Amino acid sequence: MPTFLLSKKARRLTWPQWKSRGGCGLSHSTTRWVVRETGLPEAYWCDLTLGEIQDACVVAGREMAGYAQRQGWRGFAVKEYD
């Protein structure tokens, strides 16, 4: 099963932009990881980019990229490996 990461285009989006496009939320465990790594509670992610989220927790990036891929959003995900 292929695994995806966020594309350069997707990495530039902020968390509110992602959510306004219908993007998924993160699982509880990845949200906790991002909060721990960034020092920001989710309520303060208004300026956080998806790239910063993926850098804080690669699993979070995989969750979002996989969601974008399943939704058929072109240009949001790049294949990491098969």
N, C-alpha and C. Protein backbone atom coordinates (compact mmCIF):
# COMPACT_ATOMS: atom_id res chain seq x y z
N MET A 1 0.85 -1.18 0.00
CA MET A 1 0.00 0.00 0.00
C MET A 1 0.89 1.24 0.00
N PRO A 2 0.66 2.16 -0.92
CA PRO A 2 1.52 3.34 -0.98
C PRO A 2 1.31 4.28 0.21
N THR A 3 2.36 4.96 0.57
CA THR A 3 2.32 5.96 1.63
C THR A 3 2.62 7.32 1.01
N PHE A 4 1.89 8.33 1.44
CA PHE A 4 2.01 9.66 0.86
C PHE A 4 2.45 10.68 1.90
N LEU A 5 3.13 11.72 1.42
CA LEU A 5 3.46 12.90 2.22
C LEU A 5 2.84 14.11 1.53
N LEU A 6 2.79 15.22 2.23
CA LEU A 6 2.24 16.44 1.65
C LEU A 6 3.17 16.99 0.57
N SER A 7 2.58 17.52 -0.49
CA SER A 7 3.35 18.15 -1.56
C SER A 7 3.81 19.54 -1.12
N LYS A 8 4.69 20.14 -1.91
CA LYS A 8 5.15 21.51 -1.60
C LYS A 8 3.97 22.47 -1.56
N LYS A 9 3.03 22.29 -2.49
CA LYS A 9 1.83 23.14 -2.53
C LYS A 9 1.04 23.02 -1.22
N ALA A 10 0.81 21.81 -0.77
CA ALA A 10 0.03 21.58 0.45
C ALA A 10 0.77 22.06 1.69
N ARG A 11 2.09 21.93 1.70
CA ARG A 11 2.88 22.33 2.87
C ARG A 11 2.75 23.83 3.15
N ARG A 12 2.41 24.62 2.14
CA ARG A 12 2.29 26.08 2.32
C ARG A 12 0.96 26.51 2.94
N LEU A 13 -0.03 25.63 2.92
CA LEU A 13 -1.34 25.97 3.49
C LEU A 13 -1.24 26.09 5.01
N THR A 14 -2.01 27.00 5.57
CA THR A 14 -2.11 27.07 7.03
C THR A 14 -3.18 26.07 7.47
N TRP A 15 -3.17 25.76 8.75
CA TRP A 15 -4.15 24.83 9.30
C TRP A 15 -5.59 25.30 9.03
N PRO A 16 -5.93 26.59 9.26
CA PRO A 16 -7.31 27.04 8.96
C PRO A 16 -7.65 26.92 7.47
N GLN A 17 -6.70 27.17 6.58
CA GLN A 17 -6.96 27.01 5.15
C GLN A 17 -7.27 25.55 4.82
N TRP A 18 -6.51 24.64 5.40
CA TRP A 18 -6.73 23.20 5.20
C TRP A 18 -8.13 22.82 5.66
N LYS A 19 -8.49 23.25 6.87
CA LYS A 19 -9.80 22.91 7.42
C LYS A 19 -10.93 23.53 6.60
N SER A 20 -10.75 24.75 6.10
CA SER A 20 -11.80 25.40 5.32
C SER A 20 -12.02 24.72 3.97
N ARG A 21 -11.02 24.02 3.46
CA ARG A 21 -11.15 23.26 2.21
C ARG A 21 -11.80 21.90 2.45
N GLY A 22 -12.11 21.60 3.70
CA GLY A 22 -12.71 20.31 4.02
C GLY A 22 -11.69 19.28 4.45
N GLY A 23 -10.48 19.74 4.79
CA GLY A 23 -9.43 18.83 5.23
C GLY A 23 -9.75 18.17 6.54
N CYS A 24 -9.19 17.00 6.73
CA CYS A 24 -9.45 16.21 7.93
C CYS A 24 -8.73 16.80 9.14
N GLY A 25 -9.20 16.42 10.31
CA GLY A 25 -8.47 16.69 11.52
C GLY A 25 -7.41 15.61 11.71
N LEU A 26 -6.66 15.70 12.77
CA LEU A 26 -5.63 14.71 13.05
C LEU A 26 -6.10 13.77 14.14
N SER A 27 -5.53 12.58 14.16
CA SER A 27 -5.85 11.65 15.24
C SER A 27 -5.35 12.24 16.57
N HIS A 28 -5.89 11.73 17.64
CA HIS A 28 -5.54 12.23 18.97
C HIS A 28 -4.03 12.12 19.22
N SER A 29 -3.45 10.99 18.88
CA SER A 29 -2.03 10.79 19.17
C SER A 29 -1.14 11.72 18.35
N THR A 30 -1.48 11.95 17.08
CA THR A 30 -0.63 12.85 16.28
C THR A 30 -0.83 14.30 16.70
N THR A 31 -2.06 14.65 17.09
CA THR A 31 -2.30 16.01 17.59
C THR A 31 -1.44 16.26 18.83
N ARG A 32 -1.41 15.29 19.74
CA ARG A 32 -0.58 15.44 20.95
C ARG A 32 0.89 15.60 20.59
N TRP A 33 1.35 14.85 19.58
CA TRP A 33 2.75 14.93 19.17
C TRP A 33 3.06 16.32 18.61
N VAL A 34 2.19 16.85 17.75
CA VAL A 34 2.39 18.18 17.17
C VAL A 34 2.37 19.24 18.26
N VAL A 35 1.44 19.13 19.20
CA VAL A 35 1.37 20.08 20.32
C VAL A 35 2.68 20.04 21.11
N ARG A 36 3.17 18.85 21.37
CA ARG A 36 4.41 18.72 22.14
C ARG A 36 5.60 19.32 21.39
N GLU A 37 5.68 19.06 20.10
CA GLU A 37 6.83 19.53 19.32
C GLU A 37 6.79 21.03 19.02
N THR A 38 5.59 21.58 18.81
CA THR A 38 5.48 23.01 18.48
C THR A 38 5.30 23.89 19.71
N GLY A 39 4.81 23.29 20.79
CA GLY A 39 4.51 24.07 21.99
C GLY A 39 3.22 24.85 21.88
N LEU A 40 2.43 24.57 20.82
CA LEU A 40 1.18 25.29 20.61
C LEU A 40 -0.02 24.36 20.72
N PRO A 41 -1.00 24.69 21.59
CA PRO A 41 -2.23 23.93 21.61
C PRO A 41 -2.95 24.10 20.27
N GLU A 42 -3.78 23.14 19.89
CA GLU A 42 -4.44 23.17 18.58
C GLU A 42 -5.23 24.46 18.36
N ALA A 43 -5.78 25.03 19.40
CA ALA A 43 -6.55 26.27 19.27
C ALA A 43 -5.68 27.44 18.76
N TYR A 44 -4.36 27.31 18.84
CA TYR A 44 -3.45 28.37 18.42
C TYR A 44 -2.70 28.02 17.13
N TRP A 45 -3.23 27.12 16.34
CA TRP A 45 -2.57 26.71 15.11
C TRP A 45 -2.95 27.60 13.92
N CYS A 46 -3.48 28.80 14.17
CA CYS A 46 -3.98 29.64 13.06
C CYS A 46 -2.88 30.05 12.08
N ASP A 47 -1.64 30.15 12.51
CA ASP A 47 -0.55 30.51 11.61
C ASP A 47 0.36 29.33 11.28
N LEU A 48 0.06 28.18 11.82
CA LEU A 48 0.89 26.99 11.60
C LEU A 48 0.60 26.43 10.21
N THR A 49 1.65 26.18 9.43
CA THR A 49 1.46 25.61 8.11
C THR A 49 1.44 24.08 8.20
N LEU A 50 0.89 23.47 7.17
CA LEU A 50 0.88 22.01 7.14
C LEU A 50 2.29 21.46 7.08
N GLY A 51 3.20 22.21 6.46
CA GLY A 51 4.60 21.81 6.44
C GLY A 51 5.21 21.77 7.83
N GLU A 52 4.88 22.77 8.64
CA GLU A 52 5.38 22.79 10.02
C GLU A 52 4.78 21.63 10.83
N ILE A 53 3.52 21.33 10.55
CA ILE A 53 2.88 20.21 11.23
C ILE A 53 3.55 18.90 10.83
N GLN A 54 3.78 18.72 9.52
CA GLN A 54 4.44 17.50 9.04
C GLN A 54 5.86 17.39 9.57
N ASP A 55 6.57 18.52 9.67
CA ASP A 55 7.92 18.49 10.21
C ASP A 55 7.92 18.12 11.70
N ALA A 56 6.88 18.53 12.41
CA ALA A 56 6.78 18.20 13.83
C ALA A 56 6.42 16.73 14.04
N CYS A 57 5.62 16.18 13.12
CA CYS A 57 5.18 14.78 13.24
C CYS A 57 4.89 14.26 11.84
N VAL A 58 5.79 13.47 11.30
CA VAL A 58 5.64 12.96 9.93
C VAL A 58 4.37 12.14 9.78
N VAL A 59 3.93 11.49 10.83
CA VAL A 59 2.69 10.71 10.76
C VAL A 59 1.50 11.63 10.50
N ALA A 60 1.51 12.82 11.07
CA ALA A 60 0.44 13.79 10.82
C ALA A 60 0.40 14.15 9.34
N GLY A 61 1.57 14.37 8.75
CA GLY A 61 1.65 14.67 7.33
C GLY A 61 1.11 13.52 6.49
N ARG A 62 1.43 12.30 6.90
CA ARG A 62 0.92 11.12 6.17
C ARG A 62 -0.60 11.02 6.28
N GLU A 63 -1.15 11.34 7.46
CA GLU A 63 -2.60 11.31 7.63
C GLU A 63 -3.27 12.31 6.69
N MET A 64 -2.76 13.54 6.66
CA MET A 64 -3.37 14.56 5.81
C MET A 64 -3.18 14.24 4.33
N ALA A 65 -1.99 13.79 3.95
CA ALA A 65 -1.73 13.46 2.55
C ALA A 65 -2.58 12.28 2.09
N GLY A 66 -2.73 11.29 2.94
CA GLY A 66 -3.57 10.15 2.61
C GLY A 66 -5.03 10.56 2.43
N TYR A 67 -5.48 11.45 3.29
CA TYR A 67 -6.86 11.96 3.18
C TYR A 67 -7.03 12.69 1.85
N ALA A 68 -6.09 13.57 1.53
CA ALA A 68 -6.17 14.33 0.27
C ALA A 68 -6.17 13.37 -0.92
N GLN A 69 -5.36 12.35 -0.86
CA GLN A 69 -5.29 11.37 -1.94
C GLN A 69 -6.63 10.63 -2.08
N ARG A 70 -7.21 10.20 -0.97
CA ARG A 70 -8.49 9.50 -1.01
C ARG A 70 -9.62 10.39 -1.52
N GLN A 71 -9.52 11.70 -1.25
CA GLN A 71 -10.54 12.65 -1.71
C GLN A 71 -10.35 13.02 -3.18
N GLY A 72 -9.22 12.63 -3.76
CA GLY A 72 -8.95 12.94 -5.16
C GLY A 72 -8.46 14.36 -5.39
N TRP A 73 -7.90 14.98 -4.34
CA TRP A 73 -7.38 16.34 -4.47
C TRP A 73 -6.04 16.28 -5.16
N ARG A 74 -5.96 16.76 -6.37
CA ARG A 74 -4.72 16.73 -7.14
C ARG A 74 -3.72 17.74 -6.60
N GLY A 75 -2.46 17.33 -6.58
CA GLY A 75 -1.39 18.22 -6.18
C GLY A 75 -1.17 18.38 -4.69
N PHE A 76 -1.89 17.63 -3.87
CA PHE A 76 -1.75 17.77 -2.42
C PHE A 76 -0.84 16.71 -1.79
N ALA A 77 -0.63 15.61 -2.50
CA ALA A 77 0.14 14.52 -1.92
C ALA A 77 1.18 14.02 -2.93
N VAL A 78 2.32 13.59 -2.39
CA VAL A 78 3.35 12.95 -3.20
C VAL A 78 3.65 11.60 -2.58
N LYS A 79 3.90 10.63 -3.42
CA LYS A 79 4.14 9.28 -2.93
C LYS A 79 5.47 9.21 -2.19
N GLU A 80 5.45 8.71 -0.98
CA GLU A 80 6.67 8.52 -0.20
C GLU A 80 7.31 7.19 -0.59
N TYR A 81 6.52 6.14 -0.58
CA TYR A 81 6.98 4.82 -1.02
C TYR A 81 5.78 3.91 -1.19
N ASP A 82 6.00 2.79 -1.91
CA ASP A 82 4.93 1.79 -2.13
C ASP A 82 4.94 0.76 -1.04
